[in-house]
Every structure is written in C-alpha cells, then in structure tokens.
Amino acid sequence: MSIMGDSHDAFHRGTAPIFALLTDDQTRRLAELRGDPELIVRLESLAAKANEGDLSEEERAEYEAYIEANNLLAALQAEARFRLSGGEF
C-alpha cells in the first residue's frame, strides 16, 4: 500500500471510535451540518481584516480558533460522507 493509502487507513481507524458512538442518522446529520449564518458573517469579517493585516491580538486568536474548529469539522464531515458512501478501509 502507498504512504497516502496508509495515512487514509490510519485516519479512518483513528476516527472509528468517534463514529462508533454515532447512529447512521447522526452520521448523516454531521455530514449535512452547515454553519451558523451569524458565525459565517463574523468569519468573513475576521478574514477581511486578516487579509488587510488589521486584526488585533484578540481577533487573531478568535480567528485561529474558528479555523481550527472548521478544520476539525471538515475532517469529521469528510469521514462521515466516506462512511455513508459505504467506503471501506
């Protein structure tokens, strides 16, 4: 198996305990989860300020926390979609 295949298998195995806690319906709901409209507006505002170099230290910390949360959610949603599609590892 390739290094990429090994890393994908490791990710699937690493997330298995999380998905073992979820029903199929909960997994589907996770895959379909969309962001809060107010939060999206806040993120867009912070992103614009970041692009201009105008973030305060507090705003930078807030923005980075949102990015981390978004990355985690995106990874979990990708795994949820993989599992719902019948993907095997």
PDB file of N, CA and C in Angstrom:
ATOM      1  N   MET A   1       0.844  -1.181   0.000  1.00  0.00           N
ATOM      2  CA  MET A   1       0.000   0.000   0.000  1.00  0.00           C
ATOM      3  C   MET A   1       0.886   1.240   0.000  1.00  0.00           C
ATOM      4  N   SER A   2       0.386   2.310  -0.564  1.00  0.00           N
ATOM      5  CA  SER A   2       1.152   3.549  -0.646  1.00  0.00           C
ATOM      6  C   SER A   2       1.114   4.297   0.682  1.00  0.00           C
ATOM      7  N   ILE A   3       2.005   5.268   0.813  1.00  0.00           N
ATOM      8  CA  ILE A   3       2.016   6.103   2.016  1.00  0.00           C
ATOM      9  C   ILE A   3       0.680   6.817   2.157  1.00  0.00           C
ATOM     10  N   MET A   4       0.130   7.316   1.040  1.00  0.00           N
ATOM     11  CA  MET A   4      -1.159   8.014   1.072  1.00  0.00           C
ATOM     12  C   MET A   4      -2.255   7.064   1.531  1.00  0.00           C
ATOM     13  N   GLY A   5      -2.249   5.849   1.008  1.00  0.00           N
ATOM     14  CA  GLY A   5      -3.247   4.865   1.425  1.00  0.00           C
ATOM     15  C   GLY A   5      -3.110   4.526   2.896  1.00  0.00           C
ATOM     16  N   ASP A   6      -1.881   4.402   3.371  1.00  0.00           N
ATOM     17  CA  ASP A   6      -1.642   4.118   4.784  1.00  0.00           C
ATOM     18  C   ASP A   6      -2.172   5.246   5.661  1.00  0.00           C
ATOM     19  N   SER A   7      -1.961   6.500   5.235  1.00  0.00           N
ATOM     20  CA  SER A   7      -2.419   7.621   6.050  1.00  0.00           C
ATOM     21  C   SER A   7      -3.948   7.696   6.060  1.00  0.00           C
ATOM     22  N   HIS A   8      -4.570   7.382   4.926  1.00  0.00           N
ATOM     23  CA  HIS A   8      -6.035   7.359   4.899  1.00  0.00           C
ATOM     24  C   HIS A   8      -6.573   6.263   5.808  1.00  0.00           C
ATOM     25  N   ASP A   9      -5.980   5.086   5.744  1.00  0.00           N
ATOM     26  CA  ASP A   9      -6.398   3.988   6.624  1.00  0.00           C
ATOM     27  C   ASP A   9      -6.225   4.385   8.087  1.00  0.00           C
ATOM     28  N   ALA A  10      -5.108   5.037   8.394  1.00  0.00           N
ATOM     29  CA  ALA A  10      -4.856   5.462   9.775  1.00  0.00           C
ATOM     30  C   ALA A  10      -5.910   6.464  10.226  1.00  0.00           C
ATOM     31  N   PHE A  11      -6.276   7.390   9.345  1.00  0.00           N
ATOM     32  CA  PHE A  11      -7.302   8.369   9.700  1.00  0.00           C
ATOM     33  C   PHE A  11      -8.633   7.680   9.952  1.00  0.00           C
ATOM     34  N   HIS A  12      -9.019   6.759   9.073  1.00  0.00           N
ATOM     35  CA  HIS A  12     -10.279   6.034   9.242  1.00  0.00           C
ATOM     36  C   HIS A  12     -10.276   5.249  10.551  1.00  0.00           C
ATOM     37  N   ARG A  13      -9.176   4.594  10.842  1.00  0.00           N
ATOM     38  CA  ARG A  13      -9.085   3.831  12.093  1.00  0.00           C
ATOM     39  C   ARG A  13      -9.083   4.758  13.301  1.00  0.00           C
ATOM     40  N   GLY A  14      -8.410   5.881  13.170  1.00  0.00           N
ATOM     41  CA  GLY A  14      -8.337   6.837  14.275  1.00  0.00           C
ATOM     42  C   GLY A  14      -9.679   7.470  14.605  1.00  0.00           C
ATOM     43  N   THR A  15     -10.522   7.637  13.598  1.00  0.00           N
ATOM     44  CA  THR A  15     -11.842   8.238  13.837  1.00  0.00           C
ATOM     45  C   THR A  15     -12.915   7.194  14.140  1.00  0.00           C
ATOM     46  N   ALA A  16     -12.595   5.928  13.984  1.00  0.00           N
ATOM     47  CA  ALA A  16     -13.584   4.870  14.207  1.00  0.00           C
ATOM     48  C   ALA A  16     -14.248   4.954  15.584  1.00  0.00           C
ATOM     49  N   PRO A  17     -13.511   5.220  16.673  1.00  0.00           N
ATOM     50  CA  PRO A  17     -14.190   5.299  17.979  1.00  0.00           C
ATOM     51  C   PRO A  17     -15.241   6.414  18.046  1.00  0.00           C
ATOM     52  N   ILE A  18     -15.006   7.500  17.357  1.00  0.00           N
ATOM     53  CA  ILE A  18     -15.980   8.595  17.330  1.00  0.00           C
ATOM     54  C   ILE A  18     -17.241   8.128  16.617  1.00  0.00           C
ATOM     55  N   PHE A  19     -17.064   7.526  15.441  1.00  0.00           N
ATOM     56  CA  PHE A  19     -18.212   7.123  14.643  1.00  0.00           C
ATOM     57  C   PHE A  19     -18.925   5.902  15.223  1.00  0.00           C
ATOM     58  N   ALA A  20     -18.246   5.151  16.071  1.00  0.00           N
ATOM     59  CA  ALA A  20     -18.914   4.036  16.754  1.00  0.00           C
ATOM     60  C   ALA A  20     -19.963   4.553  17.735  1.00  0.00           C
ATOM     61  N   LEU A  21     -19.816   5.801  18.166  1.00  0.00           N
ATOM     62  CA  LEU A  21     -20.779   6.410  19.092  1.00  0.00           C
ATOM     63  C   LEU A  21     -22.013   6.955  18.386  1.00  0.00           C
ATOM     64  N   LEU A  22     -21.936   7.107  17.067  1.00  0.00           N
ATOM     65  CA  LEU A  22     -22.997   7.755  16.309  1.00  0.00           C
ATOM     66  C   LEU A  22     -23.873   6.745  15.584  1.00  0.00           C
ATOM     67  N   THR A  23     -25.157   7.036  15.547  1.00  0.00           N
ATOM     68  CA  THR A  23     -26.062   6.237  14.727  1.00  0.00           C
ATOM     69  C   THR A  23     -25.881   6.669  13.268  1.00  0.00           C
ATOM     70  N   ASP A  24     -26.461   5.916  12.360  1.00  0.00           N
ATOM     71  CA  ASP A  24     -26.410   6.311  10.952  1.00  0.00           C
ATOM     72  C   ASP A  24     -27.055   7.677  10.748  1.00  0.00           C
ATOM     73  N   ASP A  25     -28.155   7.929  11.446  1.00  0.00           N
ATOM     74  CA  ASP A  25     -28.833   9.220  11.317  1.00  0.00           C
ATOM     75  C   ASP A  25     -27.937  10.355  11.831  1.00  0.00           C
ATOM     76  N   GLN A  26     -27.264  10.147  12.944  1.00  0.00           N
ATOM     77  CA  GLN A  26     -26.368  11.169  13.471  1.00  0.00           C
ATOM     78  C   GLN A  26     -25.188  11.405  12.532  1.00  0.00           C
ATOM     79  N   THR A  27     -24.683  10.351  11.936  1.00  0.00           N
ATOM     80  CA  THR A  27     -23.592  10.482  10.976  1.00  0.00           C
ATOM     81  C   THR A  27     -24.057  11.284   9.762  1.00  0.00           C
ATOM     82  N   ARG A  28     -25.251  11.014   9.294  1.00  0.00           N
ATOM     83  CA  ARG A  28     -25.821  11.753   8.166  1.00  0.00           C
ATOM     84  C   ARG A  28     -26.001  13.230   8.519  1.00  0.00           C
ATOM     85  N   ARG A  29     -26.510  13.482   9.720  1.00  0.00           N
ATOM     86  CA  ARG A  29     -26.701  14.871  10.159  1.00  0.00           C
ATOM     87  C   ARG A  29     -25.364  15.602  10.266  1.00  0.00           C
ATOM     88  N   LEU A  30     -24.325  14.919  10.734  1.00  0.00           N
ATOM     89  CA  LEU A  30     -22.987  15.514  10.788  1.00  0.00           C
ATOM     90  C   LEU A  30     -22.500  15.851   9.386  1.00  0.00           C
ATOM     91  N   ALA A  31     -22.695  14.941   8.455  1.00  0.00           N
ATOM     92  CA  ALA A  31     -22.254  15.164   7.073  1.00  0.00           C
ATOM     93  C   ALA A  31     -22.957  16.358   6.446  1.00  0.00           C
ATOM     94  N   GLU A  32     -24.199  16.604   6.845  1.00  0.00           N
ATOM     95  CA  GLU A  32     -25.002  17.671   6.247  1.00  0.00           C
ATOM     96  C   GLU A  32     -24.966  18.976   7.036  1.00  0.00           C
ATOM     97  N   LEU A  33     -24.277  18.997   8.167  1.00  0.00           N
ATOM     98  CA  LEU A  33     -24.239  20.167   9.035  1.00  0.00           C
ATOM     99  C   LEU A  33     -23.704  21.393   8.296  1.00  0.00           C
ATOM    100  N   ARG A  34     -24.394  22.509   8.471  1.00  0.00           N
ATOM    101  CA  ARG A  34     -23.984  23.769   7.851  1.00  0.00           C
ATOM    102  C   ARG A  34     -23.722  24.793   8.939  1.00  0.00           C
ATOM    103  N   GLY A  35     -22.897  25.756   8.618  1.00  0.00           N
ATOM    104  CA  GLY A  35     -22.519  26.774   9.580  1.00  0.00           C
ATOM    105  C   GLY A  35     -23.646  27.719   9.945  1.00  0.00           C
ATOM    106  N   ASP A  36     -23.541  28.272  11.125  1.00  0.00           N
ATOM    107  CA  ASP A  36     -24.458  29.288  11.617  1.00  0.00           C
ATOM    108  C   ASP A  36     -24.257  30.560  10.802  1.00  0.00           C
ATOM    109  N   PRO A  37     -25.317  31.119  10.220  1.00  0.00           N
ATOM    110  CA  PRO A  37     -25.171  32.318   9.376  1.00  0.00           C
ATOM    111  C   PRO A  37     -24.477  33.481  10.083  1.00  0.00           C
ATOM    112  N   GLU A  38     -24.755  33.688  11.369  1.00  0.00           N
ATOM    113  CA  GLU A  38     -24.094  34.773  12.098  1.00  0.00           C
ATOM    114  C   GLU A  38     -22.603  34.510  12.236  1.00  0.00           C
ATOM    115  N   LEU A  39     -22.236  33.267  12.458  1.00  0.00           N
ATOM    116  CA  LEU A  39     -20.824  32.911  12.564  1.00  0.00           C
ATOM    117  C   LEU A  39     -20.121  33.099  11.225  1.00  0.00           C
ATOM    118  N   ILE A  40     -20.790  32.750  10.147  1.00  0.00           N
ATOM    119  CA  ILE A  40     -20.205  32.929   8.813  1.00  0.00           C
ATOM    120  C   ILE A  40     -19.907  34.398   8.558  1.00  0.00           C
ATOM    121  N   VAL A  41     -20.820  35.274   8.945  1.00  0.00           N
ATOM    122  CA  VAL A  41     -20.597  36.720   8.787  1.00  0.00           C
ATOM    123  C   VAL A  41     -19.382  37.153   9.606  1.00  0.00           C
ATOM    124  N   ARG A  42     -19.285  36.646  10.845  1.00  0.00           N
ATOM    125  CA  ARG A  42     -18.146  37.010  11.705  1.00  0.00           C
ATOM    126  C   ARG A  42     -16.840  36.510  11.080  1.00  0.00           C
ATOM    127  N   LEU A  43     -16.837  35.304  10.581  1.00  0.00           N
ATOM    128  CA  LEU A  43     -15.629  34.761   9.949  1.00  0.00           C
ATOM    129  C   LEU A  43     -15.218  35.582   8.733  1.00  0.00           C
ATOM    130  N   GLU A  44     -16.183  35.975   7.936  1.00  0.00           N
ATOM    131  CA  GLU A  44     -15.880  36.796   6.764  1.00  0.00           C
ATOM    132  C   GLU A  44     -15.283  38.132   7.177  1.00  0.00           C
ATOM    133  N   SER A  45     -15.805  38.713   8.253  1.00  0.00           N
ATOM    134  CA  SER A  45     -15.270  39.974   8.760  1.00  0.00           C
ATOM    135  C   SER A  45     -13.834  39.809   9.241  1.00  0.00           C
ATOM    136  N   LEU A  46     -13.594  38.751  10.017  1.00  0.00           N
ATOM    137  CA  LEU A  46     -12.235  38.494  10.506  1.00  0.00           C
ATOM    138  C   LEU A  46     -11.286  38.190   9.358  1.00  0.00           C
ATOM    139  N   ALA A  47     -11.752  37.450   8.364  1.00  0.00           N
ATOM    140  CA  ALA A  47     -10.910  37.119   7.210  1.00  0.00           C
ATOM    141  C   ALA A  47     -10.515  38.381   6.458  1.00  0.00           C
ATOM    142  N   ALA A  48     -11.464  39.285   6.275  1.00  0.00           N
ATOM    143  CA  ALA A  48     -11.171  40.535   5.578  1.00  0.00           C
ATOM    144  C   ALA A  48     -10.135  41.344   6.350  1.00  0.00           C
ATOM    145  N   LYS A  49     -10.310  41.413   7.671  1.00  0.00           N
ATOM    146  CA  LYS A  49      -9.348  42.146   8.490  1.00  0.00           C
ATOM    147  C   LYS A  49      -7.978  41.470   8.456  1.00  0.00           C
ATOM    148  N   ALA A  50      -7.967  40.139   8.448  1.00  0.00           N
ATOM    149  CA  ALA A  50      -6.702  39.408   8.392  1.00  0.00           C
ATOM    150  C   ALA A  50      -5.979  39.690   7.081  1.00  0.00           C
ATOM    151  N   ASN A  51      -6.724  39.719   5.994  1.00  0.00           N
ATOM    152  CA  ASN A  51      -6.120  39.997   4.689  1.00  0.00           C
ATOM    153  C   ASN A  51      -5.535  41.396   4.622  1.00  0.00           C
ATOM    154  N   GLU A  52      -6.083  42.312   5.382  1.00  0.00           N
ATOM    155  CA  GLU A  52      -5.587  43.690   5.416  1.00  0.00           C
ATOM    156  C   GLU A  52      -4.519  43.884   6.485  1.00  0.00           C
ATOM    157  N   GLY A  53      -4.299  42.853   7.306  1.00  0.00           N
ATOM    158  CA  GLY A  53      -3.321  42.969   8.386  1.00  0.00           C
ATOM    159  C   GLY A  53      -3.824  43.805   9.552  1.00  0.00           C
ATOM    160  N   ASP A  54      -5.138  43.857   9.739  1.00  0.00           N
ATOM    161  CA  ASP A  54      -5.742  44.731  10.749  1.00  0.00           C
ATOM    162  C   ASP A  54      -6.341  43.987  11.944  1.00  0.00           C
ATOM    163  N   LEU A  55      -5.973  42.738  12.161  1.00  0.00           N
ATOM    164  CA  LEU A  55      -6.517  42.002  13.299  1.00  0.00           C
ATOM    165  C   LEU A  55      -5.807  42.389  14.591  1.00  0.00           C
ATOM    166  N   SER A  56      -6.592  42.581  15.652  1.00  0.00           N
ATOM    167  CA  SER A  56      -5.999  42.746  16.979  1.00  0.00           C
ATOM    168  C   SER A  56      -5.531  41.360  17.440  1.00  0.00           C
ATOM    169  N   GLU A  57      -4.783  41.315  18.528  1.00  0.00           N
ATOM    170  CA  GLU A  57      -4.336  40.023  19.064  1.00  0.00           C
ATOM    171  C   GLU A  57      -5.540  39.156  19.452  1.00  0.00           C
ATOM    172  N   GLU A  58      -6.551  39.764  20.061  1.00  0.00           N
ATOM    173  CA  GLU A  58      -7.755  39.012  20.448  1.00  0.00           C
ATOM    174  C   GLU A  58      -8.481  38.481  19.214  1.00  0.00           C
ATOM    175  N   GLU A  59      -8.592  39.308  18.183  1.00  0.00           N
ATOM    176  CA  GLU A  59      -9.263  38.872  16.955  1.00  0.00           C
ATOM    177  C   GLU A  59      -8.478  37.767  16.266  1.00  0.00           C
ATOM    178  N   ARG A  60      -7.154  37.866  16.294  1.00  0.00           N
ATOM    179  CA  ARG A  60      -6.323  36.822  15.675  1.00  0.00           C
ATOM    180  C   ARG A  60      -6.541  35.493  16.393  1.00  0.00           C
ATOM    181  N   ALA A  61      -6.560  35.525  17.716  1.00  0.00           N
ATOM    182  CA  ALA A  61      -6.784  34.300  18.493  1.00  0.00           C
ATOM    183  C   ALA A  61      -8.168  33.730  18.192  1.00  0.00           C
ATOM    184  N   GLU A  62      -9.166  34.594  18.116  1.00  0.00           N
ATOM    185  CA  GLU A  62     -10.529  34.157  17.801  1.00  0.00           C
ATOM    186  C   GLU A  62     -10.571  33.532  16.407  1.00  0.00           C
ATOM    187  N   TYR A  63      -9.971  34.200  15.443  1.00  0.00           N
ATOM    188  CA  TYR A  63      -9.963  33.731  14.057  1.00  0.00           C
ATOM    189  C   TYR A  63      -9.259  32.378  13.942  1.00  0.00           C
ATOM    190  N   GLU A  64      -8.114  32.241  14.605  1.00  0.00           N
ATOM    191  CA  GLU A  64      -7.377  30.980  14.561  1.00  0.00           C
ATOM    192  C   GLU A  64      -8.174  29.849  15.205  1.00  0.00           C
ATOM    193  N   ALA A  65      -8.910  30.158  16.276  1.00  0.00           N
ATOM    194  CA  ALA A  65      -9.742  29.134  16.920  1.00  0.00           C
ATOM    195  C   ALA A  65     -10.861  28.687  15.985  1.00  0.00           C
ATOM    196  N   TYR A  66     -11.470  29.645  15.272  1.00  0.00           N
ATOM    197  CA  TYR A  66     -12.507  29.291  14.304  1.00  0.00           C
ATOM    198  C   TYR A  66     -11.930  28.419  13.191  1.00  0.00           C
ATOM    199  N   ILE A  67     -10.742  28.753  12.734  1.00  0.00           N
ATOM    200  CA  ILE A  67     -10.103  27.965  11.677  1.00  0.00           C
ATOM    201  C   ILE A  67      -9.844  26.539  12.161  1.00  0.00           C
ATOM    202  N   GLU A  68      -9.340  26.401  13.387  1.00  0.00           N
ATOM    203  CA  GLU A  68      -9.099  25.060  13.938  1.00  0.00           C
ATOM    204  C   GLU A  68     -10.396  24.267  14.032  1.00  0.00           C
ATOM    205  N   ALA A  69     -11.442  24.908  14.548  1.00  0.00           N
ATOM    206  CA  ALA A  69     -12.741  24.230  14.661  1.00  0.00           C
ATOM    207  C   ALA A  69     -13.272  23.845  13.286  1.00  0.00           C
ATOM    208  N   ASN A  70     -13.113  24.745  12.327  1.00  0.00           N
ATOM    209  CA  ASN A  70     -13.584  24.468  10.972  1.00  0.00           C
ATOM    210  C   ASN A  70     -12.819  23.301  10.349  1.00  0.00           C
ATOM    211  N   ASN A  71     -11.520  23.252  10.574  1.00  0.00           N
ATOM    212  CA  ASN A  71     -10.719  22.148  10.045  1.00  0.00           C
ATOM    213  C   ASN A  71     -11.157  20.819  10.649  1.00  0.00           C
ATOM    214  N   LEU A  72     -11.412  20.813  11.961  1.00  0.00           N
ATOM    215  CA  LEU A  72     -11.879  19.595  12.616  1.00  0.00           C
ATOM    216  C   LEU A  72     -13.231  19.171  12.055  1.00  0.00           C
ATOM    217  N   LEU A  73     -14.147  20.117  11.953  1.00  0.00           N
ATOM    218  CA  LEU A  73     -15.472  19.803  11.424  1.00  0.00           C
ATOM    219  C   LEU A  73     -15.380  19.286   9.993  1.00  0.00           C
ATOM    220  N   ALA A  74     -14.555  19.909   9.169  1.00  0.00           N
ATOM    221  CA  ALA A  74     -14.409  19.475   7.774  1.00  0.00           C
ATOM    222  C   ALA A  74     -13.884  18.044   7.703  1.00  0.00           C
ATOM    223  N   ALA A  75     -12.921  17.710   8.552  1.00  0.00           N
ATOM    224  CA  ALA A  75     -12.369  16.350   8.558  1.00  0.00           C
ATOM    225  C   ALA A  75     -13.423  15.338   9.002  1.00  0.00           C
ATOM    226  N   LEU A  76     -14.175  15.681  10.041  1.00  0.00           N
ATOM    227  CA  LEU A  76     -15.217  14.775  10.511  1.00  0.00           C
ATOM    228  C   LEU A  76     -16.336  14.624   9.488  1.00  0.00           C
ATOM    229  N   GLN A  77     -16.681  15.705   8.810  1.00  0.00           N
ATOM    230  CA  GLN A  77     -17.712  15.615   7.777  1.00  0.00           C
ATOM    231  C   GLN A  77     -17.236  14.767   6.604  1.00  0.00           C
ATOM    232  N   ALA A  78     -15.984  14.925   6.217  1.00  0.00           N
ATOM    233  CA  ALA A  78     -15.448  14.102   5.124  1.00  0.00           C
ATOM    234  C   ALA A  78     -15.493  12.625   5.513  1.00  0.00           C
ATOM    235  N   GLU A  79     -15.131  12.333   6.753  1.00  0.00           N
ATOM    236  CA  GLU A  79     -15.184  10.943   7.215  1.00  0.00           C
ATOM    237  C   GLU A  79     -16.617  10.441   7.276  1.00  0.00           C
ATOM    238  N   ALA A  80     -17.546  11.281   7.711  1.00  0.00           N
ATOM    239  CA  ALA A  80     -18.955  10.893   7.755  1.00  0.00           C
ATOM    240  C   ALA A  80     -19.448  10.562   6.349  1.00  0.00           C
ATOM    241  N   ARG A  81     -19.120  11.389   5.383  1.00  0.00           N
ATOM    242  CA  ARG A  81     -19.534  11.140   3.996  1.00  0.00           C
ATOM    243  C   ARG A  81     -18.920   9.854   3.466  1.00  0.00           C
ATOM    244  N   PHE A  82     -17.655   9.626   3.798  1.00  0.00           N
ATOM    245  CA  PHE A  82     -16.975   8.398   3.386  1.00  0.00           C
ATOM    246  C   PHE A  82     -17.702   7.179   3.941  1.00  0.00           C
ATOM    247  N   ARG A  83     -18.037   7.220   5.209  1.00  0.00           N
ATOM    248  CA  ARG A  83     -18.700   6.093   5.839  1.00  0.00           C
ATOM    249  C   ARG A  83     -20.113   5.899   5.292  1.00  0.00           C
ATOM    250  N   LEU A  84     -20.820   6.984   5.045  1.00  0.00           N
ATOM    251  CA  LEU A  84     -22.177   6.884   4.488  1.00  0.00           C
ATOM    252  C   LEU A  84     -22.168   6.344   3.066  1.00  0.00           C
ATOM    253  N   SER A  85     -21.076   6.569   2.341  1.00  0.00           N
ATOM    254  CA  SER A  85     -20.996   6.084   0.962  1.00  0.00           C
ATOM    255  C   SER A  85     -20.621   4.607   0.909  1.00  0.00           C
ATOM    256  N   GLY A  86     -20.392   4.021   2.078  1.00  0.00           N
ATOM    257  CA  GLY A  86     -20.024   2.599   2.111  1.00  0.00           C
ATOM    258  C   GLY A  86     -18.536   2.376   1.945  1.00  0.00           C
ATOM    259  N   GLY A  87     -17.762   3.449   2.106  1.00  0.00           N
ATOM    260  CA  GLY A  87     -16.315   3.345   1.968  1.00  0.00           C
ATOM    261  C   GLY A  87     -15.729   2.351   2.959  1.00  0.00           C
ATOM    262  N   GLU A  88     -14.738   1.662   2.506  1.00  0.00           N
ATOM    263  CA  GLU A  88     -14.065   0.651   3.345  1.00  0.00           C
ATOM    264  C   GLU A  88     -12.626   1.060   3.541  1.00  0.00           C
ATOM    265  N   PHE A  89     -12.089   0.675   4.669  1.00  0.00           N
ATOM    266  CA  PHE A  89     -10.664   0.925   4.931  1.00  0.00           C
ATOM    267  C   PHE A  89     -10.003  -0.327   5.393  1.00  0.00           C
TER     268      PHE A  89
END
